[in-house]
Amino acid sequence: MSLFRRIIPGLLYRYLGRLRFPALFVLTTAVLLGDLVVPDAIPLADEILLALASLFLGRLRRRKEEEGGPEEIP
């Protein structure tokens, strides 16, 4: 169990470190999870939109020049 507690946060931090907007991704995912618990008038409409927004933000990676690597001088 201790090994599990060390591996999962490390993988999560590494994944979030590669995203362009990690805080926005975490916030959108948290709102999605909260929205799944609260019942609403139109079932699944907002859950689908929030899931798509979370997937979109999860696919955005940092650009190569934003990673802090050496820049090429022409």
Protein backbone atom coordinates (compact mmCIF):
# COMPACT_ATOMS: atom_id res chain seq x y z
CA MET A 1 0.00 0.00 0.00
CA SER A 2 2.85 2.39 0.74
CA LEU A 3 4.32 1.76 -2.70
CA PHE A 4 0.94 2.59 -4.24
CA ARG A 5 0.82 5.91 -2.36
CA ARG A 6 4.24 6.88 -3.69
CA ILE A 7 3.75 5.88 -7.32
CA ILE A 8 0.34 7.42 -8.09
CA PRO A 9 1.16 10.99 -6.97
CA GLY A 10 4.47 10.85 -8.85
CA LEU A 11 2.76 9.82 -12.07
CA LEU A 12 0.06 12.44 -11.56
CA TYR A 13 2.59 15.25 -10.98
CA ARG A 14 4.60 14.19 -14.01
CA TYR A 15 1.46 14.19 -16.20
CA LEU A 16 0.30 17.58 -14.88
CA GLY A 17 3.79 19.00 -15.40
CA ARG A 18 3.54 18.40 -19.14
CA LEU A 19 0.20 20.18 -19.52
CA ARG A 20 -0.08 23.76 -20.66
CA PHE A 21 -2.83 24.61 -18.13
CA PRO A 22 -2.58 22.09 -15.26
CA ALA A 23 -4.61 24.13 -12.75
CA LEU A 24 -7.43 24.63 -15.23
CA PHE A 25 -7.46 20.90 -16.02
CA VAL A 26 -7.67 20.00 -12.31
CA LEU A 27 -10.44 22.57 -11.74
CA THR A 28 -12.48 21.34 -14.72
CA THR A 29 -12.10 17.72 -13.63
CA ALA A 30 -13.13 18.58 -10.06
CA VAL A 31 -16.24 20.41 -11.33
CA LEU A 32 -17.07 17.39 -13.50
CA LEU A 33 -16.79 15.01 -10.55
CA GLY A 34 -18.95 17.31 -8.40
CA ASP A 35 -21.49 17.65 -11.18
CA LEU A 36 -21.80 13.88 -11.46
CA VAL A 37 -22.98 13.76 -7.83
CA VAL A 38 -25.55 16.59 -8.00
CA PRO A 39 -28.75 15.78 -9.94
CA ASP A 40 -29.89 18.26 -12.56
CA ALA A 41 -32.89 19.01 -14.80
CA ILE A 42 -31.34 17.84 -18.09
CA PRO A 43 -29.52 14.57 -17.38
CA LEU A 44 -26.07 14.10 -18.86
CA ALA A 45 -26.01 17.32 -20.92
CA ASP A 46 -23.61 19.27 -18.71
CA GLU A 47 -21.67 16.14 -17.74
CA ILE A 48 -20.89 15.46 -21.39
CA LEU A 49 -19.76 19.04 -21.98
CA LEU A 50 -17.55 19.05 -18.88
CA ALA A 51 -16.05 15.68 -19.81
CA LEU A 52 -15.23 16.99 -23.29
CA ALA A 53 -13.66 20.13 -21.79
CA SER A 54 -11.57 17.99 -19.42
CA LEU A 55 -10.41 15.77 -22.27
CA PHE A 56 -9.53 18.82 -24.37
CA LEU A 57 -7.50 20.40 -21.58
CA GLY A 58 -5.83 17.08 -20.88
CA ARG A 59 -4.65 16.87 -24.49
CA LEU A 60 -3.03 20.34 -24.51
CA ARG A 61 0.70 19.93 -24.04
CA ARG A 62 3.32 22.57 -23.53
CA ARG A 63 4.98 23.89 -26.62
CA LYS A 64 8.61 23.01 -27.19
CA GLU A 65 9.80 26.59 -26.64
CA GLU A 66 7.89 26.82 -23.33
CA GLU A 67 9.64 23.81 -21.78
CA GLY A 68 12.78 25.80 -21.01
CA GLY A 69 15.05 23.91 -23.36
CA PRO A 70 17.85 25.55 -25.33
CA GLU A 71 16.63 27.88 -28.03
CA GLU A 72 18.14 27.86 -31.50
CA ILE A 73 19.73 31.11 -32.66
CA PRO A 74 19.53 31.65 -36.44
